[in-house]
Amino acid sequence: MKDEDLKYKLVNKDFLEELDPRNYRKLEAYIKKNEVDIKTIEGLTQLIDYWAEI
């Protein structure tokens, strides 16, 4: 895959912990409870919407 083809950065749990260490556990629990696939745009959008609420 070329760099030009990359539309978004792969988000994983380590990235989430660095992004918001204070709410990491809440985000992780939400992902597990709702079976959110954070490797898709839809899943990432769902997680960001939740993150905005907490």
PDB file of N, CA and C in Angstrom:
ATOM      1  N   MET A   1       0.842  -1.177   0.000  1.00  0.00           N
ATOM      2  CA  MET A   1       0.000   0.000   0.000  1.00  0.00           C
ATOM      3  C   MET A   1       0.891   1.245   0.000  1.00  0.00           C
ATOM      4  N   LYS A   2       0.602   2.135  -0.866  1.00  0.00           N
ATOM      5  CA  LYS A   2       1.365   3.370  -0.944  1.00  0.00           C
ATOM      6  C   LYS A   2       0.883   4.349   0.123  1.00  0.00           C
ATOM      7  N   ASP A   3       1.752   5.260   0.505  1.00  0.00           N
ATOM      8  CA  ASP A   3       1.388   6.281   1.486  1.00  0.00           C
ATOM      9  C   ASP A   3       0.234   7.147   0.993  1.00  0.00           C
ATOM     10  N   GLU A   4       0.152   7.373  -0.312  1.00  0.00           N
ATOM     11  CA  GLU A   4      -0.919   8.206  -0.854  1.00  0.00           C
ATOM     12  C   GLU A   4      -2.282   7.534  -0.696  1.00  0.00           C
ATOM     13  N   ASP A   5      -2.307   6.207  -0.668  1.00  0.00           N
ATOM     14  CA  ASP A   5      -3.561   5.463  -0.568  1.00  0.00           C
ATOM     15  C   ASP A   5      -4.100   5.414   0.861  1.00  0.00           C
ATOM     16  N   LEU A   6      -3.272   5.748   1.822  1.00  0.00           N
ATOM     17  CA  LEU A   6      -3.674   5.672   3.214  1.00  0.00           C
ATOM     18  C   LEU A   6      -4.632   6.814   3.543  1.00  0.00           C
ATOM     19  N   LYS A   7      -5.854   6.474   3.925  1.00  0.00           N
ATOM     20  CA  LYS A   7      -6.875   7.489   4.201  1.00  0.00           C
ATOM     21  C   LYS A   7      -6.893   7.893   5.669  1.00  0.00           C
ATOM     22  N   TYR A   8      -6.568   6.980   6.551  1.00  0.00           N
ATOM     23  CA  TYR A   8      -6.582   7.282   7.977  1.00  0.00           C
ATOM     24  C   TYR A   8      -5.574   6.394   8.675  1.00  0.00           C
ATOM     25  N   LYS A   9      -5.145   6.825   9.830  1.00  0.00           N
ATOM     26  CA  LYS A   9      -4.163   6.071  10.601  1.00  0.00           C
ATOM     27  C   LYS A   9      -4.853   4.917  11.313  1.00  0.00           C
ATOM     28  N   LEU A  10      -4.203   3.782  11.338  1.00  0.00           N
ATOM     29  CA  LEU A  10      -4.736   2.642  12.060  1.00  0.00           C
ATOM     30  C   LEU A  10      -4.806   2.973  13.546  1.00  0.00           C
ATOM     31  N   VAL A  11      -5.962   2.813  14.114  1.00  0.00           N
ATOM     32  CA  VAL A  11      -6.167   3.108  15.523  1.00  0.00           C
ATOM     33  C   VAL A  11      -6.188   1.787  16.277  1.00  0.00           C
ATOM     34  N   ASN A  12      -5.390   1.721  17.317  1.00  0.00           N
ATOM     35  CA  ASN A  12      -5.399   0.533  18.150  1.00  0.00           C
ATOM     36  C   ASN A  12      -5.476   0.967  19.613  1.00  0.00           C
ATOM     37  N   LYS A  13      -5.500   0.012  20.506  1.00  0.00           N
ATOM     38  CA  LYS A  13      -5.671   0.329  21.921  1.00  0.00           C
ATOM     39  C   LYS A  13      -4.501   1.136  22.481  1.00  0.00           C
ATOM     40  N   ASP A  14      -3.298   0.882  22.002  1.00  0.00           N
ATOM     41  CA  ASP A  14      -2.143   1.668  22.458  1.00  0.00           C
ATOM     42  C   ASP A  14      -2.306   3.135  22.076  1.00  0.00           C
ATOM     43  N   PHE A  15      -2.811   3.366  20.877  1.00  0.00           N
ATOM     44  CA  PHE A  15      -3.046   4.729  20.424  1.00  0.00           C
ATOM     45  C   PHE A  15      -4.096   5.408  21.302  1.00  0.00           C
ATOM     46  N   LEU A  16      -5.155   4.683  21.648  1.00  0.00           N
ATOM     47  CA  LEU A  16      -6.201   5.246  22.503  1.00  0.00           C
ATOM     48  C   LEU A  16      -5.662   5.589  23.885  1.00  0.00           C
ATOM     49  N   GLU A  17      -4.799   4.755  24.405  1.00  0.00           N
ATOM     50  CA  GLU A  17      -4.227   5.021  25.725  1.00  0.00           C
ATOM     51  C   GLU A  17      -3.361   6.282  25.702  1.00  0.00           C
ATOM     52  N   GLU A  18      -2.620   6.479  24.626  1.00  0.00           N
ATOM     53  CA  GLU A  18      -1.802   7.679  24.498  1.00  0.00           C
ATOM     54  C   GLU A  18      -2.669   8.918  24.274  1.00  0.00           C
ATOM     55  N   LEU A  19      -3.744   8.752  23.538  1.00  0.00           N
ATOM     56  CA  LEU A  19      -4.613   9.870  23.205  1.00  0.00           C
ATOM     57  C   LEU A  19      -5.333  10.430  24.428  1.00  0.00           C
ATOM     58  N   ASP A  20      -5.853   9.538  25.277  1.00  0.00           N
ATOM     59  CA  ASP A  20      -6.594   9.988  26.456  1.00  0.00           C
ATOM     60  C   ASP A  20      -6.407   8.986  27.593  1.00  0.00           C
ATOM     61  N   PRO A  21      -5.281   9.075  28.299  1.00  0.00           N
ATOM     62  CA  PRO A  21      -4.992   8.114  29.362  1.00  0.00           C
ATOM     63  C   PRO A  21      -6.026   8.136  30.497  1.00  0.00           C
ATOM     64  N   ARG A  22      -6.632   9.288  30.711  1.00  0.00           N
ATOM     65  CA  ARG A  22      -7.600   9.416  31.802  1.00  0.00           C
ATOM     66  C   ARG A  22      -8.881   8.621  31.522  1.00  0.00           C
ATOM     67  N   ASN A  23      -9.308   8.587  30.272  1.00  0.00           N
ATOM     68  CA  ASN A  23     -10.550   7.891  29.909  1.00  0.00           C
ATOM     69  C   ASN A  23     -10.309   6.574  29.177  1.00  0.00           C
ATOM     70  N   TYR A  24      -9.084   6.121  29.137  1.00  0.00           N
ATOM     71  CA  TYR A  24      -8.759   4.915  28.378  1.00  0.00           C
ATOM     72  C   TYR A  24      -9.591   3.715  28.799  1.00  0.00           C
ATOM     73  N   ARG A  25      -9.733   3.511  30.093  1.00  0.00           N
ATOM     74  CA  ARG A  25     -10.484   2.341  30.580  1.00  0.00           C
ATOM     75  C   ARG A  25     -11.953   2.407  30.163  1.00  0.00           C
ATOM     76  N   LYS A  26     -12.536   3.588  30.178  1.00  0.00           N
ATOM     77  CA  LYS A  26     -13.927   3.747  29.743  1.00  0.00           C
ATOM     78  C   LYS A  26     -14.059   3.449  28.251  1.00  0.00           C
ATOM     79  N   LEU A  27     -13.117   3.943  27.470  1.00  0.00           N
ATOM     80  CA  LEU A  27     -13.148   3.697  26.029  1.00  0.00           C
ATOM     81  C   LEU A  27     -12.971   2.213  25.725  1.00  0.00           C
ATOM     82  N   GLU A  28     -12.050   1.588  26.421  1.00  0.00           N
ATOM     83  CA  GLU A  28     -11.807   0.155  26.219  1.00  0.00           C
ATOM     84  C   GLU A  28     -13.044  -0.665  26.583  1.00  0.00           C
ATOM     85  N   ALA A  29     -13.682  -0.321  27.690  1.00  0.00           N
ATOM     86  CA  ALA A  29     -14.898  -1.025  28.111  1.00  0.00           C
ATOM     87  C   ALA A  29     -16.017  -0.833  27.091  1.00  0.00           C
ATOM     88  N   TYR A  30     -16.140   0.366  26.564  1.00  0.00           N
ATOM     89  CA  TYR A  30     -17.165   0.648  25.554  1.00  0.00           C
ATOM     90  C   TYR A  30     -16.933  -0.186  24.296  1.00  0.00           C
ATOM     91  N   ILE A  31     -15.686  -0.281  23.875  1.00  0.00           N
ATOM     92  CA  ILE A  31     -15.350  -1.065  22.687  1.00  0.00           C
ATOM     93  C   ILE A  31     -15.736  -2.528  22.886  1.00  0.00           C
ATOM     94  N   LYS A  32     -15.403  -3.077  24.035  1.00  0.00           N
ATOM     95  CA  LYS A  32     -15.715  -4.483  24.309  1.00  0.00           C
ATOM     96  C   LYS A  32     -17.210  -4.711  24.442  1.00  0.00           C
ATOM     97  N   LYS A  33     -17.884  -3.855  25.193  1.00  0.00           N
ATOM     98  CA  LYS A  33     -19.318  -4.027  25.453  1.00  0.00           C
ATOM     99  C   LYS A  33     -20.131  -3.939  24.159  1.00  0.00           C
ATOM    100  N   ASN A  34     -19.790  -3.003  23.302  1.00  0.00           N
ATOM    101  CA  ASN A  34     -20.553  -2.762  22.076  1.00  0.00           C
ATOM    102  C   ASN A  34     -19.944  -3.404  20.839  1.00  0.00           C
ATOM    103  N   GLU A  35     -18.880  -4.181  21.035  1.00  0.00           N
ATOM    104  CA  GLU A  35     -18.198  -4.886  19.946  1.00  0.00           C
ATOM    105  C   GLU A  35     -17.879  -3.934  18.789  1.00  0.00           C
ATOM    106  N   VAL A  36     -17.264  -2.806  19.117  1.00  0.00           N
ATOM    107  CA  VAL A  36     -16.913  -1.789  18.131  1.00  0.00           C
ATOM    108  C   VAL A  36     -15.619  -2.184  17.435  1.00  0.00           C
ATOM    109  N   ASP A  37     -15.642  -2.165  16.124  1.00  0.00           N
ATOM    110  CA  ASP A  37     -14.441  -2.446  15.337  1.00  0.00           C
ATOM    111  C   ASP A  37     -13.770  -1.108  15.017  1.00  0.00           C
ATOM    112  N   ILE A  38     -12.745  -0.769  15.780  1.00  0.00           N
ATOM    113  CA  ILE A  38     -12.100   0.536  15.618  1.00  0.00           C
ATOM    114  C   ILE A  38     -11.185   0.597  14.405  1.00  0.00           C
ATOM    115  N   LYS A  39     -11.143  -0.462  13.638  1.00  0.00           N
ATOM    116  CA  LYS A  39     -10.340  -0.465  12.415  1.00  0.00           C
ATOM    117  C   LYS A  39     -11.163  -0.010  11.211  1.00  0.00           C
ATOM    118  N   THR A  40     -12.443   0.290  11.449  1.00  0.00           N
ATOM    119  CA  THR A  40     -13.296   0.794  10.375  1.00  0.00           C
ATOM    120  C   THR A  40     -13.687   2.239  10.672  1.00  0.00           C
ATOM    121  N   ILE A  41     -14.031   2.962   9.644  1.00  0.00           N
ATOM    122  CA  ILE A  41     -14.462   4.348   9.812  1.00  0.00           C
ATOM    123  C   ILE A  41     -15.734   4.406  10.658  1.00  0.00           C
ATOM    124  N   GLU A  42     -16.653   3.497  10.421  1.00  0.00           N
ATOM    125  CA  GLU A  42     -17.910   3.487  11.162  1.00  0.00           C
ATOM    126  C   GLU A  42     -17.672   3.237  12.647  1.00  0.00           C
ATOM    127  N   GLY A  43     -16.826   2.274  12.951  1.00  0.00           N
ATOM    128  CA  GLY A  43     -16.509   1.971  14.344  1.00  0.00           C
ATOM    129  C   GLY A  43     -15.778   3.102  15.024  1.00  0.00           C
ATOM    130  N   LEU A  44     -14.866   3.706  14.317  1.00  0.00           N
ATOM    131  CA  LEU A  44     -14.116   4.829  14.865  1.00  0.00           C
ATOM    132  C   LEU A  44     -15.041   6.022  15.120  1.00  0.00           C
ATOM    133  N   THR A  45     -15.968   6.261  14.210  1.00  0.00           N
ATOM    134  CA  THR A  45     -16.949   7.335  14.389  1.00  0.00           C
ATOM    135  C   THR A  45     -17.812   7.073  15.614  1.00  0.00           C
ATOM    136  N   GLN A  46     -18.237   5.828  15.779  1.00  0.00           N
ATOM    137  CA  GLN A  46     -19.036   5.449  16.944  1.00  0.00           C
ATOM    138  C   GLN A  46     -18.257   5.701  18.233  1.00  0.00           C
ATOM    139  N   LEU A  47     -16.995   5.339  18.250  1.00  0.00           N
ATOM    140  CA  LEU A  47     -16.165   5.537  19.428  1.00  0.00           C
ATOM    141  C   LEU A  47     -15.951   7.025  19.714  1.00  0.00           C
ATOM    142  N   ILE A  48     -15.727   7.811  18.688  1.00  0.00           N
ATOM    143  CA  ILE A  48     -15.531   9.250  18.872  1.00  0.00           C
ATOM    144  C   ILE A  48     -16.800   9.904  19.412  1.00  0.00           C
ATOM    145  N   ASP A  49     -17.954   9.470  18.929  1.00  0.00           N
ATOM    146  CA  ASP A  49     -19.221   9.993  19.456  1.00  0.00           C
ATOM    147  C   ASP A  49     -19.358   9.692  20.941  1.00  0.00           C
ATOM    148  N   TYR A  50     -19.007   8.473  21.333  1.00  0.00           N
ATOM    149  CA  TYR A  50     -19.053   8.116  22.755  1.00  0.00           C
ATOM    150  C   TYR A  50     -18.049   8.947  23.563  1.00  0.00           C
ATOM    151  N   TRP A  51     -16.863   9.096  23.014  1.00  0.00           N
ATOM    152  CA  TRP A  51     -15.802   9.840  23.685  1.00  0.00           C
ATOM    153  C   TRP A  51     -16.226  11.284  23.934  1.00  0.00           C
ATOM    154  N   ALA A  52     -16.969  11.864  23.006  1.00  0.00           N
ATOM    155  CA  ALA A  52     -17.453  13.243  23.166  1.00  0.00           C
ATOM    156  C   ALA A  52     -18.460  13.347  24.306  1.00  0.00           C
ATOM    157  N   GLU A  53     -19.143  12.245  24.609  1.00  0.00           N
ATOM    158  CA  GLU A  53     -20.141  12.251  25.692  1.00  0.00           C
ATOM    159  C   GLU A  53     -19.520  12.153  27.075  1.00  0.00           C
ATOM    160  N   ILE A  54     -18.350  11.499  27.186  1.00  0.00           N
ATOM    161  CA  ILE A  54     -17.772  11.296  28.516  1.00  0.00           C
ATOM    162  C   ILE A  54     -16.873  12.433  28.930  1.00  0.00           C
TER     163      ILE A  54
END
